[in-house]
Amino acid sequence: MSLTEQIKEVMADCTGAAHINDIAKMIVDRFPNIQIKPDQLPDKISAALSADTRKTGTKSSFSKVKNNSGGFKRGVYRLKRKPVVTPKPTLAPVLSTQYIGKAGEAAVMSELLFYGFNASAMAVDDGIDIIASKNNKYFHIQVKTSTPSDNWTFGFSIKKSSFVAKDSFQTFYVFLLRGCDNSRYYNDYLILPSSEVRKLIGVGIIEDGQALSLRIQRDTRGRYILNSKQDVTISVNTFSQIA
């Protein structure tokens, strides 16, 4: 590694500008086996930086720092930082609910595996999508997947008859919130045990009827609010509660 490359590496960890004496100290700390004597190192660094800026001009990785008199500060250099380019996500195609539903189930199975569950998809969806086991306990997982509307609201619906038929301590609902920011698509998971859904119906947060409707909105503070009434952020991405 050349001296110029060593300077670039140590200055990458340095915010702002640095004097050649400080750069020399950083190089000795980072490269203790450097062959240049410490008392000679500042002059070597000065010569290397001067040559680099003179030879490559505006293409140099380094720049001198101006003083208040219109000149440059003696022996002070700054590493030029390349602008950070934020990638934009590829626009996802418009998909049918079947594709979105299956993708959601696969995503939830993946998360369950990361949390140490042995997860299997049900051959027939009769109100349960996934069977997950851990520590000799078995859990029934029903997955609902939604993408946001214009006001960043995710809508879900559960058939009341299906909920009643599968309502037990083993049953958990995972509501997958498929969102997108300026750089990527991401999934958040609202996890509610069947007993919590039953409680929310009982207190009127989820309206009772043939279909149970859940509208989950992310507010300006990043909280997830259920049906404009209940903050459910604490239950987002908490797979550990399946126990």
Protein backbone atom coordinates (compact mmCIF):
# COMPACT_ATOMS: atom_id res chain seq x y z
CA MET A 1 0.00 0.00 0.00
CA SER A 2 1.41 3.36 -1.02
CA LEU A 3 1.69 6.28 1.36
CA THR A 4 -1.11 8.09 -0.53
CA GLU A 5 -3.40 5.07 -0.06
CA GLN A 6 -2.54 4.96 3.65
CA ILE A 7 -3.39 8.65 3.97
CA LYS A 8 -6.72 8.07 2.21
CA GLU A 9 -7.58 5.16 4.51
CA VAL A 10 -6.91 7.00 7.78
CA MET A 11 -8.64 10.17 6.61
CA ALA A 12 -11.74 8.18 5.67
CA ASP A 13 -12.34 7.80 9.42
CA CYS A 14 -11.58 11.47 10.08
CA THR A 15 -14.39 14.01 9.96
CA GLY A 16 -13.35 17.31 8.41
CA ALA A 17 -9.79 18.40 7.66
CA ALA A 18 -6.53 17.35 9.33
CA HIS A 19 -3.00 18.74 9.61
CA ILE A 20 -0.13 16.64 8.25
CA ASN A 21 1.17 16.14 11.82
CA ASP A 22 -2.18 14.65 12.87
CA ILE A 23 -2.32 12.55 9.72
CA ALA A 24 1.15 11.20 10.58
CA LYS A 25 -0.03 10.17 14.05
CA MET A 26 -3.06 8.39 12.60
CA ILE A 27 -0.88 6.52 10.10
CA VAL A 28 1.54 5.37 12.83
CA ASP A 29 -1.42 4.13 14.89
CA ARG A 30 -3.00 2.34 11.94
CA PHE A 31 0.22 1.06 10.35
CA PRO A 32 2.75 0.53 13.17
CA ASN A 33 5.14 -1.32 10.84
CA ILE A 34 5.50 1.58 8.42
CA GLN A 35 9.12 1.92 7.26
CA ILE A 36 9.24 5.74 7.33
CA LYS A 37 10.69 7.26 10.51
CA PRO A 38 8.07 9.14 12.57
CA ASP A 39 10.02 12.42 12.49
CA GLN A 40 10.21 12.24 8.70
CA LEU A 41 6.62 11.17 8.14
CA PRO A 42 4.93 14.63 8.15
CA ASP A 43 7.27 15.87 5.41
CA LYS A 44 6.66 12.70 3.38
CA ILE A 45 2.90 13.14 3.77
CA SER A 46 3.13 16.79 2.74
CA ALA A 47 5.12 15.88 -0.37
CA ALA A 48 2.72 13.05 -1.28
CA LEU A 49 -0.38 15.23 -0.91
CA SER A 50 1.19 18.15 -2.73
CA ALA A 51 2.21 15.91 -5.61
CA ASP A 52 -1.20 14.25 -5.77
CA THR A 53 -3.18 17.51 -5.85
CA ARG A 54 -0.78 19.06 -8.36
CA LYS A 55 -0.68 16.02 -10.67
CA THR A 56 -4.35 15.04 -10.73
CA GLY A 57 -5.89 18.49 -10.15
CA THR A 58 -9.65 18.37 -9.57
CA LYS A 59 -9.58 14.57 -9.84
CA SER A 60 -7.45 14.32 -6.69
CA SER A 61 -9.01 12.65 -3.66
CA PHE A 62 -7.65 15.47 -1.50
CA SER A 63 -8.12 19.21 -1.34
CA LYS A 64 -6.38 22.05 0.48
CA VAL A 65 -8.31 24.04 3.06
CA LYS A 66 -8.77 27.76 2.53
CA ASN A 67 -7.86 30.32 5.18
CA ASN A 68 -9.53 33.66 5.90
CA SER A 69 -7.05 35.57 3.73
CA GLY A 70 -7.95 33.94 0.45
CA GLY A 71 -5.06 31.48 0.56
CA PHE A 72 -4.74 27.99 2.02
CA LYS A 73 -3.96 26.75 5.50
CA ARG A 74 -0.43 25.41 5.64
CA GLY A 75 -0.25 21.62 5.86
CA VAL A 76 -4.03 21.13 6.23
CA TYR A 77 -5.89 18.82 3.85
CA ARG A 78 -9.36 17.36 3.51
CA LEU A 79 -10.42 14.06 1.94
CA LYS A 80 -13.05 14.66 -0.72
CA ARG A 81 -16.23 12.74 0.04
CA LYS A 82 -18.18 11.22 -2.79
CA PRO A 83 -21.88 12.05 -2.63
CA VAL A 84 -24.01 9.25 -1.26
CA VAL A 85 -26.31 7.92 -3.96
CA THR A 86 -29.55 6.56 -2.57
CA PRO A 87 -30.87 3.79 -4.82
CA LYS A 88 -34.52 3.92 -5.73
CA PRO A 89 -36.49 0.69 -5.57
CA THR A 90 -37.64 -0.90 -8.79
CA LEU A 91 -41.33 -0.28 -9.23
CA ALA A 92 -43.17 -3.47 -8.33
CA PRO A 93 -45.76 -4.69 -10.84
CA VAL A 94 -49.45 -4.60 -10.03
CA LEU A 95 -50.24 -8.06 -8.71
CA SER A 96 -53.40 -9.97 -7.96
CA THR A 97 -54.32 -10.64 -4.34
CA GLN A 98 -53.33 -14.29 -4.85
CA TYR A 99 -49.70 -13.35 -5.54
CA ILE A 100 -49.62 -10.84 -2.69
CA GLY A 101 -51.14 -13.35 -0.30
CA LYS A 102 -48.69 -16.13 -1.17
CA ALA A 103 -45.75 -13.72 -1.01
CA GLY A 104 -46.89 -12.65 2.45
CA GLU A 105 -47.12 -16.24 3.67
CA ALA A 106 -43.62 -16.97 2.36
CA ALA A 107 -42.25 -13.85 4.07
CA VAL A 108 -43.81 -14.80 7.40
CA MET A 109 -42.47 -18.35 7.12
CA SER A 110 -39.01 -16.92 6.53
CA GLU A 111 -39.25 -14.74 9.65
CA LEU A 112 -40.49 -17.69 11.73
CA LEU A 113 -37.49 -19.74 10.62
CA PHE A 114 -35.15 -16.89 11.63
CA TYR A 115 -36.79 -17.00 15.08
CA GLY A 116 -36.21 -20.73 15.40
CA PHE A 117 -39.64 -22.05 14.51
CA ASN A 118 -40.12 -25.09 12.30
CA ALA A 119 -42.72 -23.69 9.92
CA SER A 120 -44.80 -25.44 7.27
CA ALA A 121 -47.46 -24.10 4.92
CA MET A 122 -50.85 -25.75 5.06
CA ALA A 123 -51.84 -27.65 1.92
CA VAL A 124 -55.39 -26.29 2.20
CA ASP A 125 -56.22 -22.86 3.62
CA ASP A 126 -59.15 -23.41 5.96
CA GLY A 127 -58.43 -20.35 8.09
CA ILE A 128 -54.86 -21.32 9.00
CA ASP A 129 -51.95 -20.67 6.63
CA ILE A 130 -48.92 -21.91 8.59
CA ILE A 131 -48.23 -24.41 11.33
CA ALA A 132 -45.18 -23.44 13.41
CA SER A 133 -43.55 -25.47 16.15
CA LYS A 134 -40.93 -24.63 18.75
CA ASN A 135 -39.96 -26.25 22.04
CA ASN A 136 -42.60 -28.96 21.51
CA LYS A 137 -45.35 -26.36 21.18
CA TYR A 138 -47.47 -25.89 18.05
CA PHE A 139 -48.99 -22.66 16.81
CA HIS A 140 -51.54 -21.83 14.13
CA ILE A 141 -50.63 -18.78 12.06
CA GLN A 142 -53.06 -16.91 9.84
CA VAL A 143 -51.36 -14.40 7.52
CA LYS A 144 -52.98 -11.30 6.05
CA THR A 145 -50.98 -9.10 3.67
CA SER A 146 -51.68 -5.56 2.53
CA THR A 147 -50.01 -2.71 0.67
CA PRO A 148 -50.77 0.87 1.74
CA SER A 149 -53.34 3.24 0.30
CA ASP A 150 -52.48 6.85 -0.53
CA ASN A 151 -52.88 7.95 3.11
CA TRP A 152 -50.58 5.14 4.26
CA THR A 153 -53.37 2.94 5.60
CA PHE A 154 -53.27 -0.85 5.38
CA GLY A 155 -56.63 -2.61 5.17
CA PHE A 156 -57.39 -6.17 6.32
CA SER A 157 -60.50 -8.29 6.68
CA ILE A 158 -61.16 -11.50 8.62
CA LYS A 159 -64.31 -13.58 8.12
CA LYS A 160 -66.10 -13.73 11.48
CA SER A 161 -66.99 -17.40 10.95
CA SER A 162 -63.34 -18.27 10.31
CA PHE A 163 -62.20 -16.30 13.36
CA VAL A 164 -64.70 -18.07 15.63
CA ALA A 165 -63.79 -21.50 14.25
CA LYS A 166 -60.05 -21.00 14.86
CA ASP A 167 -60.20 -18.89 18.03
CA SER A 168 -57.82 -20.57 20.50
CA PHE A 169 -54.67 -19.90 22.52
CA GLN A 170 -52.68 -21.53 19.66
CA THR A 171 -53.85 -19.10 16.99
CA PHE A 172 -51.95 -15.96 16.00
CA TYR A 173 -52.71 -13.44 13.29
CA VAL A 174 -49.79 -11.89 11.43
CA PHE A 175 -50.72 -8.79 9.46
CA LEU A 176 -47.95 -8.08 6.95
CA LEU A 177 -47.58 -4.39 6.13
CA ARG A 178 -45.77 -4.17 2.79
CA GLY A 179 -44.40 -0.65 2.56
CA CYS A 180 -41.93 1.33 0.48
CA ASP A 181 -39.72 4.32 1.30
CA ASN A 182 -37.41 6.29 -0.96
CA SER A 183 -34.85 3.49 -1.29
CA ARG A 184 -36.44 0.10 -0.67
CA TYR A 185 -39.46 -2.08 -0.10
CA TYR A 186 -39.83 -3.48 3.40
CA ASN A 187 -42.16 -5.60 5.51
CA ASP A 188 -43.45 -4.86 8.99
CA TYR A 189 -45.43 -7.50 10.85
CA LEU A 190 -48.25 -6.74 13.26
CA ILE A 191 -48.65 -9.87 15.39
CA LEU A 192 -51.82 -10.35 17.42
CA PRO A 193 -52.87 -13.50 19.26
CA SER A 194 -56.45 -14.56 18.69
CA SER A 195 -57.25 -13.61 22.29
CA GLU A 196 -56.14 -10.01 21.61
CA VAL A 197 -58.33 -9.81 18.51
CA ARG A 198 -61.25 -11.09 20.63
CA LYS A 199 -60.53 -8.42 23.26
CA LEU A 200 -60.41 -5.67 20.63
CA ILE A 201 -63.79 -6.83 19.32
CA GLY A 202 -65.17 -6.80 22.86
CA VAL A 203 -64.19 -3.18 23.53
CA GLY A 204 -65.40 -2.00 20.12
CA ILE A 205 -62.03 -1.14 18.58
CA ILE A 206 -62.75 -3.82 15.95
CA GLU A 207 -66.40 -3.64 14.94
CA ASP A 208 -68.23 -6.93 15.27
CA GLY A 209 -69.92 -8.26 12.14
CA GLN A 210 -69.78 -10.92 9.45
CA ALA A 211 -66.39 -9.52 8.49
CA LEU A 212 -63.89 -8.07 10.97
CA SER A 213 -62.29 -4.98 9.46
CA LEU A 214 -58.86 -3.75 10.52
CA ARG A 215 -57.38 -0.50 9.22
CA ILE A 216 -53.82 0.10 10.31
CA GLN A 217 -52.34 3.53 9.68
CA ARG A 218 -48.76 4.68 10.23
CA ASP A 219 -48.77 8.21 11.60
CA THR A 220 -46.16 10.95 11.28
CA ARG A 221 -44.38 9.68 14.41
CA GLY A 222 -43.98 6.19 12.93
CA ARG A 223 -46.64 4.65 15.18
CA TYR A 224 -49.13 2.10 13.89
CA ILE A 225 -52.72 2.92 14.88
CA LEU A 226 -55.52 0.34 14.59
CA ASN A 227 -58.89 1.64 13.40
CA SER A 228 -57.88 5.20 14.44
CA LYS A 229 -58.26 4.18 18.09
CA GLN A 230 -55.55 1.83 19.35
CA ASP A 231 -51.76 2.20 19.20
CA VAL A 232 -50.50 -1.29 18.30
CA THR A 233 -46.85 -0.37 17.63
CA ILE A 234 -45.71 -2.51 20.56
CA SER A 235 -46.98 -5.60 18.70
CA VAL A 236 -45.13 -4.86 15.45
CA ASN A 237 -42.27 -7.26 14.58
CA THR A 238 -42.48 -9.01 17.96
CA PHE A 239 -42.34 -12.64 16.83
CA SER A 240 -41.06 -13.54 20.30
CA GLN A 241 -44.60 -13.19 21.65
CA ILE A 242 -45.53 -16.39 19.79
CA ALA A 243 -44.78 -18.68 22.73
